[in-house]
Amino acid sequence: MRAYPNHCCVDFAGGTLGDCLSSVRGQSVPVEHVVVDGASSDGTLDVLRAAPGISRLVSEPDGGIYEAMNKGIGMATGEIVGTLNADDVYAAPDVLAAVARAFEEPSVEACYGNLPQGLGSFDVMVSLVVIEHLHAPRLFMKTPHGLLRQGGTVIISTPYDGYWKNLAIAVAGRFDAYFSPLWDGGHIKFW
């Protein structure tokens, strides 16, 4: 019988890494592109070494994604710092230009991404995000209809039948009163 380690995590973004790198390289403003890799041995490092436009590449063992993000932020020299995971892309070539414009306002200290204006015309909203991982779950639950065309559908799924009632009530507009039960007892996913 083969012995396996107690903890094993395989994360290869090879299928999406090229798209991520292209979306950074395709931005309409200059970008200091710092890439931190956790000493990958699956071909990721070869893709990164061959990619143009990377300002700094570090590949060394680390304690996971958040340590890697902190390491990259620590190496950045720009006035505005953002993070992008290997399986993410910028929605348009002017995303970072819009971020730079936002920071021209002296009162702005931080901003986060959102769907661009005018994308509220989906037939069906599908999300693979666990609610606990959403930046603003209350806002998400209150406004999914804003992403849909007239007559569009929001499909919400959860692994626990008991939460269907709570989710339905939340979507119907009584979210604040029924939000806490959504957190008790398990993950809730939107599909």
N, C-alpha and C. Protein backbone atom coordinates (compact mmCIF):
# COMPACT_ATOMS: atom_id res chain seq x y z
N MET A 1 0.84 -1.17 0.00
CA MET A 1 0.00 0.00 0.00
C MET A 1 0.89 1.24 0.00
N ARG A 2 0.55 2.23 -0.81
CA ARG A 2 1.33 3.45 -0.93
C ARG A 2 1.03 4.39 0.23
N ALA A 3 2.08 4.95 0.81
CA ALA A 3 1.90 5.91 1.91
C ALA A 3 1.71 7.30 1.33
N TYR A 4 0.70 8.01 1.80
CA TYR A 4 0.43 9.38 1.37
C TYR A 4 0.67 10.32 2.54
N PRO A 5 1.04 11.55 2.26
CA PRO A 5 1.22 12.50 3.36
C PRO A 5 -0.12 12.80 4.03
N ASN A 6 -0.04 13.25 5.28
CA ASN A 6 -1.26 13.60 6.01
C ASN A 6 -2.01 14.74 5.35
N HIS A 7 -1.27 15.69 4.81
CA HIS A 7 -1.89 16.86 4.17
C HIS A 7 -1.32 16.99 2.77
N CYS A 8 -2.18 17.09 1.81
CA CYS A 8 -1.74 17.22 0.43
C CYS A 8 -2.61 18.25 -0.27
N CYS A 9 -1.98 19.19 -0.90
CA CYS A 9 -2.72 20.19 -1.66
C CYS A 9 -2.07 20.34 -3.02
N VAL A 10 -2.80 20.08 -4.06
CA VAL A 10 -2.30 20.24 -5.41
C VAL A 10 -3.06 21.39 -6.04
N ASP A 11 -2.35 22.41 -6.43
CA ASP A 11 -3.00 23.59 -7.01
C ASP A 11 -2.20 24.02 -8.22
N PHE A 12 -2.64 23.59 -9.39
CA PHE A 12 -1.95 23.98 -10.62
C PHE A 12 -2.89 24.85 -11.43
N ALA A 13 -2.48 26.06 -11.63
CA ALA A 13 -3.30 27.01 -12.39
C ALA A 13 -2.82 27.09 -13.83
N GLY A 14 -2.18 26.04 -14.30
CA GLY A 14 -1.61 26.06 -15.65
C GLY A 14 -2.62 26.38 -16.73
N GLY A 15 -3.85 25.92 -16.57
CA GLY A 15 -4.87 26.17 -17.57
C GLY A 15 -5.33 27.61 -17.61
N THR A 16 -5.18 28.33 -16.52
CA THR A 16 -5.66 29.71 -16.44
C THR A 16 -4.55 30.72 -16.25
N LEU A 17 -3.37 30.27 -15.89
CA LEU A 17 -2.27 31.18 -15.60
C LEU A 17 -1.93 32.07 -16.78
N GLY A 18 -1.94 31.52 -17.98
CA GLY A 18 -1.65 32.33 -19.17
C GLY A 18 -2.65 33.46 -19.35
N ASP A 19 -3.92 33.18 -19.10
CA ASP A 19 -4.95 34.22 -19.20
C ASP A 19 -4.73 35.30 -18.15
N CYS A 20 -4.36 34.89 -16.94
CA CYS A 20 -4.08 35.84 -15.87
C CYS A 20 -2.93 36.76 -16.26
N LEU A 21 -1.83 36.17 -16.71
CA LEU A 21 -0.66 36.97 -17.10
C LEU A 21 -0.99 37.91 -18.25
N SER A 22 -1.75 37.43 -19.22
CA SER A 22 -2.15 38.28 -20.35
C SER A 22 -3.02 39.44 -19.91
N SER A 23 -3.90 39.19 -18.94
CA SER A 23 -4.78 40.28 -18.50
C SER A 23 -4.01 41.36 -17.76
N VAL A 24 -2.94 40.99 -17.07
CA VAL A 24 -2.10 41.99 -16.41
C VAL A 24 -1.29 42.74 -17.46
N ARG A 25 -0.68 41.98 -18.36
CA ARG A 25 0.15 42.58 -19.41
C ARG A 25 -0.68 43.49 -20.32
N GLY A 26 -1.96 43.19 -20.48
CA GLY A 26 -2.83 43.95 -21.38
C GLY A 26 -3.44 45.20 -20.78
N GLN A 27 -3.08 45.54 -19.55
CA GLN A 27 -3.63 46.75 -18.93
C GLN A 27 -3.12 48.00 -19.64
N SER A 28 -3.94 49.03 -19.64
CA SER A 28 -3.63 50.26 -20.39
C SER A 28 -2.70 51.21 -19.65
N VAL A 29 -2.28 50.84 -18.45
CA VAL A 29 -1.34 51.65 -17.67
C VAL A 29 -0.13 50.79 -17.32
N PRO A 30 1.03 51.41 -17.07
CA PRO A 30 2.20 50.61 -16.67
C PRO A 30 1.93 49.87 -15.36
N VAL A 31 2.44 48.64 -15.27
CA VAL A 31 2.20 47.80 -14.10
C VAL A 31 3.52 47.22 -13.61
N GLU A 32 3.79 47.34 -12.32
CA GLU A 32 4.87 46.59 -11.70
C GLU A 32 4.26 45.24 -11.34
N HIS A 33 4.64 44.20 -12.04
CA HIS A 33 4.01 42.89 -11.88
C HIS A 33 4.92 41.99 -11.06
N VAL A 34 4.59 41.84 -9.78
CA VAL A 34 5.34 40.98 -8.86
C VAL A 34 4.60 39.65 -8.78
N VAL A 35 5.31 38.55 -9.01
CA VAL A 35 4.69 37.23 -8.95
C VAL A 35 5.40 36.41 -7.88
N VAL A 36 4.62 35.84 -6.97
CA VAL A 36 5.16 34.98 -5.92
C VAL A 36 4.60 33.58 -6.12
N ASP A 37 5.49 32.63 -6.27
CA ASP A 37 5.14 31.22 -6.49
C ASP A 37 5.66 30.42 -5.30
N GLY A 38 4.89 29.49 -4.83
CA GLY A 38 5.27 28.69 -3.67
C GLY A 38 6.16 27.51 -3.99
N ALA A 39 7.19 27.70 -4.81
CA ALA A 39 8.14 26.65 -5.19
C ALA A 39 7.43 25.52 -5.94
N SER A 40 6.61 25.90 -6.90
CA SER A 40 5.87 24.91 -7.69
C SER A 40 6.82 23.98 -8.43
N SER A 41 6.40 22.74 -8.56
CA SER A 41 7.18 21.76 -9.32
C SER A 41 6.30 21.12 -10.39
N ASP A 42 5.22 21.81 -10.78
CA ASP A 42 4.24 21.25 -11.71
C ASP A 42 4.25 21.92 -13.08
N GLY A 43 5.26 22.72 -13.37
CA GLY A 43 5.33 23.42 -14.64
C GLY A 43 4.95 24.88 -14.56
N THR A 44 4.38 25.30 -13.44
CA THR A 44 3.99 26.70 -13.26
C THR A 44 5.18 27.63 -13.41
N LEU A 45 6.29 27.26 -12.81
CA LEU A 45 7.47 28.11 -12.84
C LEU A 45 8.00 28.29 -14.27
N ASP A 46 7.91 27.25 -15.09
CA ASP A 46 8.34 27.36 -16.49
C ASP A 46 7.47 28.37 -17.24
N VAL A 47 6.15 28.33 -16.99
CA VAL A 47 5.23 29.28 -17.61
C VAL A 47 5.59 30.70 -17.18
N LEU A 48 5.84 30.88 -15.90
CA LEU A 48 6.16 32.20 -15.37
C LEU A 48 7.48 32.73 -15.92
N ARG A 49 8.49 31.88 -15.99
CA ARG A 49 9.80 32.33 -16.50
C ARG A 49 9.73 32.73 -17.97
N ALA A 50 8.84 32.11 -18.72
CA ALA A 50 8.72 32.42 -20.15
C ALA A 50 7.82 33.63 -20.42
N ALA A 51 7.09 34.06 -19.43
CA ALA A 51 6.11 35.14 -19.63
C ALA A 51 6.79 36.51 -19.65
N PRO A 52 6.47 37.32 -20.65
CA PRO A 52 7.02 38.69 -20.66
C PRO A 52 6.27 39.59 -19.68
N GLY A 53 6.92 40.65 -19.26
CA GLY A 53 6.24 41.67 -18.47
C GLY A 53 6.26 41.47 -16.97
N ILE A 54 6.86 40.40 -16.48
CA ILE A 54 6.93 40.20 -15.03
C ILE A 54 8.11 41.00 -14.50
N SER A 55 7.84 41.90 -13.56
CA SER A 55 8.88 42.76 -13.00
C SER A 55 9.76 42.01 -12.01
N ARG A 56 9.13 41.16 -11.21
CA ARG A 56 9.88 40.41 -10.21
C ARG A 56 9.19 39.08 -9.98
N LEU A 57 9.97 38.00 -10.03
CA LEU A 57 9.46 36.65 -9.83
C LEU A 57 10.21 36.00 -8.69
N VAL A 58 9.49 35.54 -7.69
CA VAL A 58 10.08 34.84 -6.56
C VAL A 58 9.40 33.48 -6.46
N SER A 59 10.20 32.42 -6.39
CA SER A 59 9.65 31.09 -6.21
C SER A 59 10.38 30.43 -5.05
N GLU A 60 9.68 30.26 -3.95
CA GLU A 60 10.26 29.66 -2.76
C GLU A 60 9.13 29.12 -1.90
N PRO A 61 9.44 28.13 -1.07
CA PRO A 61 8.39 27.60 -0.20
C PRO A 61 7.82 28.69 0.71
N ASP A 62 6.52 28.61 0.93
CA ASP A 62 5.89 29.56 1.85
C ASP A 62 4.77 28.84 2.59
N GLY A 63 4.11 29.57 3.45
CA GLY A 63 3.05 28.99 4.28
C GLY A 63 1.67 29.05 3.68
N GLY A 64 1.57 29.29 2.39
CA GLY A 64 0.27 29.32 1.74
C GLY A 64 -0.02 30.64 1.06
N ILE A 65 -1.23 30.74 0.53
CA ILE A 65 -1.61 31.86 -0.32
C ILE A 65 -1.49 33.21 0.38
N TYR A 66 -1.87 33.28 1.66
CA TYR A 66 -1.85 34.58 2.33
C TYR A 66 -0.43 35.02 2.66
N GLU A 67 0.43 34.08 3.00
CA GLU A 67 1.84 34.43 3.19
C GLU A 67 2.43 34.91 1.87
N ALA A 68 2.07 34.24 0.78
CA ALA A 68 2.57 34.65 -0.54
C ALA A 68 2.08 36.05 -0.89
N MET A 69 0.80 36.34 -0.61
CA MET A 69 0.28 37.68 -0.89
C MET A 69 1.03 38.73 -0.07
N ASN A 70 1.22 38.46 1.21
CA ASN A 70 1.95 39.41 2.05
C ASN A 70 3.38 39.61 1.56
N LYS A 71 4.00 38.54 1.10
CA LYS A 71 5.36 38.63 0.57
C LYS A 71 5.38 39.52 -0.67
N GLY A 72 4.44 39.30 -1.57
CA GLY A 72 4.37 40.11 -2.79
C GLY A 72 4.09 41.57 -2.50
N ILE A 73 3.16 41.83 -1.59
CA ILE A 73 2.85 43.21 -1.22
C ILE A 73 4.08 43.88 -0.62
N GLY A 74 4.85 43.12 0.16
CA GLY A 74 6.07 43.66 0.75
C GLY A 74 7.13 44.01 -0.27
N MET A 75 7.12 43.34 -1.41
CA MET A 75 8.11 43.61 -2.47
C MET A 75 7.67 44.73 -3.40
N ALA A 76 6.41 45.05 -3.41
CA ALA A 76 5.89 46.07 -4.34
C ALA A 76 6.43 47.44 -3.98
N THR A 77 6.70 48.24 -5.00
CA THR A 77 7.25 49.59 -4.78
C THR A 77 6.28 50.69 -5.19
N GLY A 78 5.16 50.35 -5.77
CA GLY A 78 4.21 51.35 -6.24
C GLY A 78 3.39 51.98 -5.13
N GLU A 79 2.66 53.01 -5.47
CA GLU A 79 1.79 53.69 -4.51
C GLU A 79 0.47 52.95 -4.33
N ILE A 80 0.04 52.22 -5.33
CA ILE A 80 -1.21 51.46 -5.28
C ILE A 80 -0.84 49.99 -5.45
N VAL A 81 -1.31 49.14 -4.55
CA VAL A 81 -0.98 47.73 -4.59
C VAL A 81 -2.27 46.93 -4.66
N GLY A 82 -2.30 45.94 -5.53
CA GLY A 82 -3.44 45.04 -5.63
C GLY A 82 -2.96 43.61 -5.74
N THR A 83 -3.85 42.67 -5.52
CA THR A 83 -3.51 41.26 -5.66
C THR A 83 -4.44 40.61 -6.68
N LEU A 84 -3.90 39.63 -7.38
CA LEU A 84 -4.67 38.88 -8.37
C LEU A 84 -4.19 37.44 -8.28
N ASN A 85 -5.09 36.50 -8.08
CA ASN A 85 -4.71 35.10 -8.00
C ASN A 85 -4.49 34.53 -9.40
N ALA A 86 -3.77 33.42 -9.47
CA ALA A 86 -3.37 32.84 -10.75
C ALA A 86 -4.54 32.41 -11.62
N ASP A 87 -5.69 32.17 -11.04
CA ASP A 87 -6.84 31.76 -11.84
C ASP A 87 -7.85 32.89 -12.03
N ASP A 88 -7.41 34.13 -11.80
CA ASP A 88 -8.26 35.30 -11.99
C ASP A 88 -7.74 36.15 -13.14
N VAL A 89 -8.61 36.97 -13.70
CA VAL A 89 -8.21 37.91 -14.76
C VAL A 89 -8.89 39.24 -14.50
N TYR A 90 -8.31 40.30 -15.04
CA TYR A 90 -8.98 41.60 -15.03
C TYR A 90 -10.05 41.57 -16.11
N ALA A 91 -11.21 42.15 -15.82
CA ALA A 91 -12.36 42.09 -16.72
C ALA A 91 -12.17 42.88 -18.00
N ALA A 92 -11.29 43.88 -17.97
CA ALA A 92 -11.09 44.74 -19.14
C ALA A 92 -9.69 45.35 -19.07
N PRO A 93 -9.18 45.83 -20.20
CA PRO A 93 -7.83 46.41 -20.21
C PRO A 93 -7.69 47.71 -19.44
N ASP A 94 -8.80 48.32 -19.06
CA ASP A 94 -8.72 49.61 -18.36
C ASP A 94 -9.05 49.51 -16.87
N VAL A 95 -9.04 48.30 -16.31
CA VAL A 95 -9.37 48.12 -14.90
C VAL A 95 -8.39 48.89 -14.01
N LEU A 96 -7.09 48.72 -14.24
CA LEU A 96 -6.12 49.40 -13.38
C LEU A 96 -6.11 50.90 -13.61
N ALA A 97 -6.46 51.35 -14.80
CA ALA A 97 -6.60 52.79 -15.05
C ALA A 97 -7.76 53.34 -14.23
N ALA A 98 -8.85 52.59 -14.13
CA ALA A 98 -9.99 53.01 -13.31
C ALA A 98 -9.61 53.06 -11.84
N VAL A 99 -8.81 52.10 -11.40
CA VAL A 99 -8.33 52.11 -10.01
C VAL A 99 -7.49 53.35 -9.76
N ALA A 100 -6.58 53.65 -10.69
CA ALA A 100 -5.73 54.85 -10.55
C ALA A 100 -6.58 56.11 -10.48
N ARG A 101 -7.62 56.19 -11.31
CA ARG A 101 -8.51 57.36 -11.28
C ARG A 101 -9.24 57.46 -9.94
N ALA A 102 -9.64 56.32 -9.39
CA ALA A 102 -10.32 56.33 -8.08
C ALA A 102 -9.43 56.92 -7.00
N PHE A 103 -8.14 56.61 -7.08
CA PHE A 103 -7.21 57.10 -6.06
C PHE A 103 -6.81 58.56 -6.26
N GLU A 104 -7.24 59.19 -7.33
CA GLU A 104 -7.01 60.62 -7.49
C GLU A 104 -7.85 61.43 -6.50
N GLU A 105 -8.93 60.83 -6.02
CA GLU A 105 -9.77 61.47 -4.99
C GLU A 105 -9.05 61.32 -3.65
N PRO A 106 -8.69 62.42 -2.98
CA PRO A 106 -7.91 62.35 -1.74
C PRO A 106 -8.54 61.53 -0.62
N SER A 107 -9.86 61.43 -0.59
CA SER A 107 -10.51 60.68 0.50
C SER A 107 -10.48 59.17 0.29
N VAL A 108 -10.10 58.70 -0.90
CA VAL A 108 -10.09 57.27 -1.18
C VAL A 108 -8.82 56.65 -0.61
N GLU A 109 -9.00 55.64 0.24
CA GLU A 109 -7.88 54.92 0.81
C GLU A 109 -7.82 53.48 0.33
N ALA A 110 -8.94 52.96 -0.15
CA ALA A 110 -8.99 51.59 -0.63
C ALA A 110 -10.15 51.46 -1.61
N CYS A 111 -10.04 50.50 -2.51
CA CYS A 111 -11.15 50.18 -3.39
C CYS A 111 -11.06 48.70 -3.72
N TYR A 112 -12.16 48.12 -4.14
CA TYR A 112 -12.15 46.72 -4.53
C TYR A 112 -12.92 46.56 -5.82
N GLY A 113 -12.69 45.42 -6.48
CA GLY A 113 -13.28 45.20 -7.78
C GLY A 113 -14.77 44.93 -7.72
N ASN A 114 -15.39 45.16 -8.85
CA ASN A 114 -16.81 44.92 -9.00
C ASN A 114 -17.08 44.71 -10.48
N LEU A 115 -18.24 44.22 -10.82
CA LEU A 115 -18.58 44.10 -12.22
C LEU A 115 -18.70 45.48 -12.82
N PRO A 116 -18.19 45.68 -14.03
CA PRO A 116 -18.29 47.00 -14.66
C PRO A 116 -19.75 47.40 -14.86
N GLN A 117 -20.00 48.70 -14.91
CA GLN A 117 -21.34 49.21 -15.18
C GLN A 117 -21.83 48.63 -16.50
N GLY A 118 -23.09 48.34 -16.60
CA GLY A 118 -23.66 47.86 -17.85
C GLY A 118 -23.65 46.36 -18.00
N LEU A 119 -23.09 45.63 -17.02
CA LEU A 119 -23.10 44.18 -17.14
C LEU A 119 -24.35 43.56 -16.52
N GLY A 120 -25.32 44.37 -16.13
CA GLY A 120 -26.53 43.86 -15.50
C GLY A 120 -27.49 43.26 -16.50
N SER A 121 -27.03 42.38 -17.34
CA SER A 121 -27.92 41.82 -18.35
C SER A 121 -27.68 40.31 -18.52
N PHE A 122 -27.57 39.62 -17.39
CA PHE A 122 -27.39 38.18 -17.43
C PHE A 122 -28.75 37.49 -17.39
N ASP A 123 -28.87 36.35 -18.05
CA ASP A 123 -30.09 35.56 -17.99
C ASP A 123 -30.16 34.76 -16.69
N VAL A 124 -29.01 34.24 -16.28
CA VAL A 124 -28.93 33.43 -15.07
C VAL A 124 -27.69 33.85 -14.30
N MET A 125 -27.83 33.99 -12.99
CA MET A 125 -26.67 34.29 -12.17
C MET A 125 -26.20 32.99 -11.54
N VAL A 126 -24.95 32.64 -11.77
CA VAL A 126 -24.35 31.43 -11.23
C VAL A 126 -23.08 31.85 -10.51
N SER A 127 -22.93 31.42 -9.28
CA SER A 127 -21.73 31.75 -8.53
C SER A 127 -21.23 30.51 -7.82
N LEU A 128 -19.94 30.28 -7.88
CA LEU A 128 -19.34 29.14 -7.19
C LEU A 128 -18.70 29.57 -5.89
N VAL A 129 -19.04 30.75 -5.41
CA VAL A 129 -18.43 31.31 -4.22
C VAL A 129 -19.20 30.88 -2.98
N VAL A 130 -18.50 30.45 -1.95
CA VAL A 130 -19.12 30.15 -0.66
C VAL A 130 -19.42 31.48 0.02
N ILE A 131 -20.62 31.61 0.59
CA ILE A 131 -21.06 32.91 1.12
C ILE A 131 -20.07 33.50 2.12
N GLU A 132 -19.43 32.66 2.92
CA GLU A 132 -18.48 33.17 3.91
C GLU A 132 -17.28 33.84 3.26
N HIS A 133 -17.04 33.56 2.00
CA HIS A 133 -15.88 34.12 1.31
C HIS A 133 -16.21 35.37 0.51
N LEU A 134 -17.46 35.73 0.44
CA LEU A 134 -17.84 36.94 -0.27
C LEU A 134 -17.42 38.17 0.52
N HIS A 135 -16.97 39.20 -0.17
CA HIS A 135 -16.56 40.43 0.50
C HIS A 135 -17.74 41.11 1.18
N ALA A 136 -18.88 41.14 0.53
CA ALA A 136 -20.06 41.81 1.07
C ALA A 136 -21.28 40.91 0.87
N PRO A 137 -21.41 39.84 1.69
CA PRO A 137 -22.51 38.90 1.46
C PRO A 137 -23.88 39.52 1.60
N ARG A 138 -24.06 40.48 2.50
CA ARG A 138 -25.37 41.12 2.65
C ARG A 138 -25.74 41.88 1.38
N LEU A 139 -24.80 42.62 0.85
CA LEU A 139 -25.05 43.36 -0.38
C LEU A 139 -25.35 42.40 -1.52
N PHE A 140 -24.61 41.31 -1.59
CA PHE A 140 -24.82 40.31 -2.63
C PHE A 140 -26.24 39.75 -2.55
N MET A 141 -26.70 39.43 -1.35
CA MET A 141 -28.03 38.85 -1.20
C MET A 141 -29.13 39.86 -1.47
N LYS A 142 -28.88 41.12 -1.19
CA LYS A 142 -29.92 42.13 -1.39
C LYS A 142 -30.05 42.56 -2.85
N THR A 143 -29.02 42.38 -3.65
CA THR A 143 -29.05 42.96 -4.99
C THR A 143 -28.72 42.02 -6.14
N PRO A 144 -28.96 40.71 -6.03
CA PRO A 144 -28.62 39.87 -7.18
C PRO A 144 -29.44 40.20 -8.42
N HIS A 145 -30.65 40.70 -8.22
CA HIS A 145 -31.51 41.04 -9.36
C HIS A 145 -30.88 42.13 -10.23
N GLY A 146 -30.01 42.94 -9.67
CA GLY A 146 -29.36 44.00 -10.44
C GLY A 146 -28.40 43.47 -11.49
N LEU A 147 -28.04 42.21 -11.37
CA LEU A 147 -27.14 41.60 -12.34
C LEU A 147 -27.89 40.90 -13.47
N LEU A 148 -29.21 40.84 -13.34
CA LEU A 148 -30.00 40.03 -14.26
C LEU A 148 -30.81 40.86 -15.24
N ARG A 149 -31.08 40.25 -16.40
CA ARG A 149 -32.06 40.82 -17.33
C ARG A 149 -33.44 40.66 -16.72
N GLN A 150 -34.41 41.39 -17.26
CA GLN A 150 -35.81 41.22 -16.85
C GLN A 150 -36.17 39.74 -17.01
N GLY A 151 -36.68 39.14 -15.96
CA GLY A 151 -37.06 37.73 -16.00
C GLY A 151 -35.90 36.78 -15.77
N GLY A 152 -34.72 37.30 -15.44
CA GLY A 152 -33.55 36.45 -15.19
C GLY A 152 -33.73 35.60 -13.94
N THR A 153 -32.86 34.62 -13.77
CA THR A 153 -32.98 33.66 -12.69
C THR A 153 -31.74 33.66 -11.81
N VAL A 154 -31.95 33.65 -10.51
CA VAL A 154 -30.87 33.45 -9.54
C VAL A 154 -31.00 32.02 -9.05
N ILE A 155 -29.95 31.24 -9.20
CA ILE A 155 -29.97 29.86 -8.74
C ILE A 155 -29.12 29.79 -7.48
N ILE A 156 -29.74 29.42 -6.37
CA ILE A 156 -29.05 29.34 -5.09
C ILE A 156 -29.12 27.89 -4.62
N SER A 157 -27.99 27.36 -4.23
CA SER A 157 -27.91 25.97 -3.80
C SER A 157 -27.19 25.90 -2.46
N THR A 158 -27.60 24.96 -1.64
CA THR A 158 -26.94 24.73 -0.36
C THR A 158 -26.91 23.24 -0.09
N PRO A 159 -25.87 22.75 0.58
CA PRO A 159 -25.83 21.32 0.87
C PRO A 159 -26.78 20.89 1.98
N TYR A 160 -27.44 21.83 2.65
CA TYR A 160 -28.31 21.49 3.76
C TYR A 160 -29.73 21.97 3.47
N ASP A 161 -30.68 21.03 3.40
CA ASP A 161 -32.07 21.36 3.07
C ASP A 161 -32.67 22.40 4.01
N GLY A 162 -32.29 22.38 5.28
CA GLY A 162 -32.87 23.29 6.26
C GLY A 162 -32.60 24.75 5.96
N TYR A 163 -31.63 25.04 5.13
CA TYR A 163 -31.29 26.42 4.84
C TYR A 163 -32.08 27.00 3.67
N TRP A 164 -32.79 26.16 2.94
CA TRP A 164 -33.55 26.68 1.80
C TRP A 164 -34.55 27.75 2.23
N LYS A 165 -35.28 27.46 3.32
CA LYS A 165 -36.26 28.44 3.80
C LYS A 165 -35.56 29.75 4.15
N ASN A 166 -34.45 29.67 4.87
CA ASN A 166 -33.73 30.88 5.25
C ASN A 166 -33.22 31.64 4.04
N LEU A 167 -32.72 30.92 3.05
CA LEU A 167 -32.24 31.58 1.84
C LEU A 167 -33.39 32.26 1.10
N ALA A 168 -34.51 31.57 1.01
CA ALA A 168 -35.67 32.16 0.31
C ALA A 168 -36.13 33.43 1.02
N ILE A 169 -36.17 33.39 2.34
CA ILE A 169 -36.58 34.58 3.10
C ILE A 169 -35.56 35.70 2.91
N ALA A 170 -34.28 35.35 2.89
CA ALA A 170 -33.24 36.36 2.69
C ALA A 170 -33.39 37.03 1.34
N VAL A 171 -33.60 36.24 0.30
CA VAL A 171 -33.74 36.80 -1.04
C VAL A 171 -35.02 37.63 -1.14
N ALA A 172 -36.05 37.25 -0.39
CA ALA A 172 -37.32 37.98 -0.43
C ALA A 172 -37.25 39.35 0.26
N GLY A 173 -36.15 39.62 0.94
CA GLY A 173 -36.00 40.95 1.52
C GLY A 173 -35.96 41.01 3.03
N ARG A 174 -36.04 39.89 3.69
CA ARG A 174 -35.95 39.89 5.15
C ARG A 174 -34.58 39.38 5.57
N PHE A 175 -33.57 39.75 4.81
CA PHE A 175 -32.23 39.20 4.97
C PHE A 175 -31.63 39.46 6.34
N ASP A 176 -31.70 40.70 6.83
CA ASP A 176 -31.06 41.02 8.10
C ASP A 176 -31.58 40.15 9.24
N ALA A 177 -32.88 39.92 9.28
CA ALA A 177 -33.46 39.12 10.35
C ALA A 177 -33.10 37.65 10.23
N TYR A 178 -32.82 37.19 9.04
CA TYR A 178 -32.58 35.77 8.83
C TYR A 178 -31.16 35.46 8.41
N PHE A 179 -30.26 36.43 8.52
CA PHE A 179 -28.90 36.19 8.04
C PHE A 179 -28.13 35.25 8.95
N SER A 180 -28.20 35.43 10.26
CA SER A 180 -27.37 34.63 11.15
C SER A 180 -27.60 33.13 11.04
N PRO A 181 -28.83 32.63 10.81
CA PRO A 181 -28.97 31.19 10.64
C PRO A 181 -28.20 30.64 9.44
N LEU A 182 -27.93 31.49 8.45
CA LEU A 182 -27.19 31.02 7.29
C LEU A 182 -25.76 30.65 7.66
N TRP A 183 -25.25 31.26 8.71
CA TRP A 183 -23.86 31.01 9.11
C TRP A 183 -23.74 29.79 10.00
N ASP A 184 -24.83 29.35 10.62
CA ASP A 184 -24.78 28.28 11.60
C ASP A 184 -24.83 26.92 10.93
N GLY A 185 -23.84 26.09 11.19
CA GLY A 185 -23.91 24.70 10.82
C GLY A 185 -23.35 24.29 9.48
N GLY A 186 -22.84 25.15 8.67
CA GLY A 186 -22.26 24.66 7.44
C GLY A 186 -22.09 25.71 6.37
N HIS A 187 -21.54 25.28 5.27
CA HIS A 187 -21.30 26.18 4.14
C HIS A 187 -22.56 26.34 3.32
N ILE A 188 -22.70 27.49 2.76
CA ILE A 188 -23.81 27.78 1.87
C ILE A 188 -23.20 28.21 0.56
N LYS A 189 -23.59 27.57 -0.50
CA LYS A 189 -23.05 27.90 -1.81
C LYS A 189 -24.13 28.44 -2.70
N PHE A 190 -23.74 29.30 -3.63
CA PHE A 190 -24.63 29.78 -4.67
C PHE A 190 -24.20 29.10 -5.96
N TRP A 191 -25.11 28.47 -6.66
CA TRP A 191 -24.77 27.80 -7.92
C TRP A 191 -25.50 28.44 -9.04
